[in-house]
Amino acid sequence: MAETYSGEFYCVKCKAKREATGEVQVNDKGTRMAKAKCPECGTNLNRILGKA
């Protein structure tokens, strides 16, 4: 089961903080990142959560 993150993301296109739920992924360096879609404009949102 994939880990999820629910909280605030910053949308670069809207220039505002948005509440969203996204899937947590680990990149090549071992950093956990949550990825979601902006509920207003549909832009991809990323939030860095720290080391795994």
N, C-alpha and C. Protein backbone atom coordinates (compact mmCIF):
# COMPACT_ATOMS: atom_id res chain seq x y z
N MET A 1 0.84 -1.19 0.00
CA MET A 1 0.00 0.00 0.00
C MET A 1 0.88 1.25 0.00
N ALA A 2 0.58 2.18 -0.87
CA ALA A 2 1.37 3.40 -1.00
C ALA A 2 1.05 4.37 0.14
N GLU A 3 2.08 5.03 0.61
CA GLU A 3 1.91 6.03 1.67
C GLU A 3 1.33 7.31 1.06
N THR A 4 0.45 7.98 1.80
CA THR A 4 -0.12 9.24 1.31
C THR A 4 0.18 10.35 2.29
N TYR A 5 0.16 11.58 1.79
CA TYR A 5 0.37 12.77 2.60
C TYR A 5 -0.80 13.71 2.36
N SER A 6 -1.39 14.19 3.43
CA SER A 6 -2.49 15.14 3.32
C SER A 6 -2.11 16.41 4.07
N GLY A 7 -2.08 17.53 3.37
CA GLY A 7 -1.69 18.77 4.01
C GLY A 7 -1.54 19.89 3.00
N GLU A 8 -0.75 20.89 3.37
CA GLU A 8 -0.56 22.06 2.52
C GLU A 8 0.55 21.87 1.51
N PHE A 9 0.26 22.27 0.29
CA PHE A 9 1.23 22.33 -0.79
C PHE A 9 1.24 23.77 -1.28
N TYR A 10 2.34 24.21 -1.87
CA TYR A 10 2.40 25.54 -2.47
C TYR A 10 2.26 25.41 -3.97
N CYS A 11 1.27 26.07 -4.54
CA CYS A 11 1.07 26.06 -5.99
C CYS A 11 1.81 27.25 -6.59
N VAL A 12 2.75 26.96 -7.49
CA VAL A 12 3.56 28.00 -8.11
C VAL A 12 2.72 28.82 -9.09
N LYS A 13 1.80 28.17 -9.76
CA LYS A 13 0.97 28.87 -10.75
C LYS A 13 -0.04 29.81 -10.06
N CYS A 14 -0.71 29.35 -9.02
CA CYS A 14 -1.69 30.17 -8.28
C CYS A 14 -1.02 31.13 -7.30
N LYS A 15 0.23 30.81 -6.92
CA LYS A 15 0.97 31.56 -5.90
C LYS A 15 0.22 31.59 -4.57
N ALA A 16 -0.28 30.41 -4.18
CA ALA A 16 -1.03 30.29 -2.93
C ALA A 16 -0.85 28.88 -2.37
N LYS A 17 -1.09 28.74 -1.06
CA LYS A 17 -1.04 27.44 -0.42
C LYS A 17 -2.39 26.77 -0.59
N ARG A 18 -2.36 25.49 -0.94
CA ARG A 18 -3.58 24.72 -1.19
C ARG A 18 -3.56 23.44 -0.35
N GLU A 19 -4.72 23.04 0.14
CA GLU A 19 -4.87 21.76 0.83
C GLU A 19 -5.08 20.68 -0.22
N ALA A 20 -4.29 19.60 -0.15
CA ALA A 20 -4.42 18.51 -1.11
C ALA A 20 -3.90 17.22 -0.47
N THR A 21 -4.23 16.11 -1.10
CA THR A 21 -3.75 14.80 -0.68
C THR A 21 -2.96 14.21 -1.83
N GLY A 22 -1.75 13.72 -1.52
CA GLY A 22 -0.91 13.18 -2.57
C GLY A 22 -0.16 11.95 -2.15
N GLU A 23 0.40 11.27 -3.12
CA GLU A 23 1.17 10.05 -2.90
C GLU A 23 2.62 10.39 -2.58
N VAL A 24 3.19 9.68 -1.60
CA VAL A 24 4.59 9.90 -1.20
C VAL A 24 5.48 8.99 -2.02
N GLN A 25 6.53 9.59 -2.63
CA GLN A 25 7.51 8.85 -3.41
C GLN A 25 8.90 9.17 -2.88
N VAL A 26 9.83 8.25 -3.09
CA VAL A 26 11.22 8.45 -2.69
C VAL A 26 12.05 8.64 -3.95
N ASN A 27 12.80 9.76 -4.01
CA ASN A 27 13.62 10.01 -5.21
C ASN A 27 14.96 9.29 -5.10
N ASP A 28 15.84 9.49 -6.08
CA ASP A 28 17.12 8.79 -6.14
C ASP A 28 18.04 9.09 -4.97
N LYS A 29 17.94 10.29 -4.40
CA LYS A 29 18.79 10.68 -3.28
C LYS A 29 18.25 10.18 -1.94
N GLY A 30 17.06 9.58 -1.93
CA GLY A 30 16.47 9.07 -0.70
C GLY A 30 15.56 10.07 -0.01
N THR A 31 15.22 11.15 -0.67
CA THR A 31 14.34 12.16 -0.10
C THR A 31 12.89 11.80 -0.39
N ARG A 32 12.04 11.89 0.63
CA ARG A 32 10.61 11.63 0.45
C ARG A 32 9.93 12.88 -0.09
N MET A 33 9.12 12.71 -1.13
CA MET A 33 8.40 13.82 -1.74
C MET A 33 6.95 13.43 -1.93
N ALA A 34 6.04 14.35 -1.59
CA ALA A 34 4.62 14.13 -1.84
C ALA A 34 4.25 14.82 -3.14
N LYS A 35 3.51 14.13 -3.99
CA LYS A 35 3.10 14.68 -5.28
C LYS A 35 1.59 14.65 -5.36
N ALA A 36 1.00 15.80 -5.78
CA ALA A 36 -0.45 15.92 -5.89
C ALA A 36 -0.80 16.86 -7.03
N LYS A 37 -2.08 17.08 -7.24
CA LYS A 37 -2.58 18.02 -8.24
C LYS A 37 -3.29 19.17 -7.52
N CYS A 38 -3.11 20.38 -8.03
CA CYS A 38 -3.79 21.55 -7.46
C CYS A 38 -5.29 21.44 -7.72
N PRO A 39 -6.12 21.60 -6.68
CA PRO A 39 -7.57 21.50 -6.88
C PRO A 39 -8.15 22.66 -7.69
N GLU A 40 -7.44 23.78 -7.78
CA GLU A 40 -7.93 24.96 -8.50
C GLU A 40 -7.56 24.94 -9.98
N CYS A 41 -6.25 24.73 -10.28
CA CYS A 41 -5.79 24.87 -11.67
C CYS A 41 -5.28 23.57 -12.28
N GLY A 42 -5.08 22.51 -11.48
CA GLY A 42 -4.64 21.23 -12.03
C GLY A 42 -3.15 21.08 -12.20
N THR A 43 -2.36 22.05 -11.75
CA THR A 43 -0.90 21.99 -11.84
C THR A 43 -0.36 20.93 -10.87
N ASN A 44 0.75 20.29 -11.25
CA ASN A 44 1.40 19.34 -10.34
C ASN A 44 1.97 20.07 -9.14
N LEU A 45 1.77 19.50 -7.96
CA LEU A 45 2.29 20.07 -6.71
C LEU A 45 3.30 19.11 -6.13
N ASN A 46 4.38 19.63 -5.56
CA ASN A 46 5.40 18.83 -4.89
C ASN A 46 5.66 19.40 -3.51
N ARG A 47 5.89 18.52 -2.55
CA ARG A 47 6.28 18.95 -1.21
C ARG A 47 7.37 18.00 -0.74
N ILE A 48 8.51 18.57 -0.34
CA ILE A 48 9.63 17.78 0.16
C ILE A 48 9.40 17.49 1.63
N LEU A 49 9.44 16.21 2.01
CA LEU A 49 9.13 15.80 3.37
C LEU A 49 10.37 15.45 4.19
N GLY A 50 11.52 15.26 3.56
CA GLY A 50 12.74 14.95 4.29
C GLY A 50 13.27 13.57 3.93
N LYS A 51 14.32 13.15 4.60
CA LYS A 51 14.96 11.88 4.30
C LYS A 51 14.07 10.71 4.72
N ALA A 52 14.22 9.62 3.98
CA ALA A 52 13.42 8.40 4.24
C ALA A 52 13.92 7.67 5.47
